[in-house]
């Protein structure tokens, strides 16, 4: 239970002979979507049957758990502010923008010793009791709060600016780097579940 976040890569492949007949060849040619020999080898029966003229390949390139600052960014920048657990297209330039924000926040966030929130329990009167442990916190949170602010929600995780916040930014950079290594024909989609 909680905020699960997924970034997927997708690409569609078409049988170009079929598409010529369907008079959509020019449109697909412009998008540079072609059936290549690798796909023919991967799915050799696809073109023998004549029944399948289109294949979509999709795989997960990124997963986060309760990285609410990253989720908020996707909602605000790719979902028009609508947080509805549906799938949304993410442009490569948006991924580059998010990567740059993560790098900027990391660069401006000095970690110092402090108390890091590590869950909570309830006392006998139903009051929430926070539990902390020694860890690292961001000394000055101004840049983080401005560029990639945290957000609360149904089991969205902590909203503190600490070592875990910074680790999620580092992980996001790794995920985006993997995405950007894929050829231009690949598209990306984000969705969340909470």
Foldseek 3Di string as FASTA:
>chain_A
DAKKKFKKKKFKEFQLVVVVVVVCNVVVVVLVHYDDPVVCVVCVVQVVVVPHGMDMDMDTLDMDTLLQLVVCLCCVPFVVVDADQDKTWDDLVNLVVLLVLLVVQLVQWDKDKDWDWDDWDADPVRDTDTDTDIFIFTPDCVSCCVRRAGDDDDRSDDRGGGPVNNVVSVRSNVSSVVVVVDDPSMIMMMGMDD
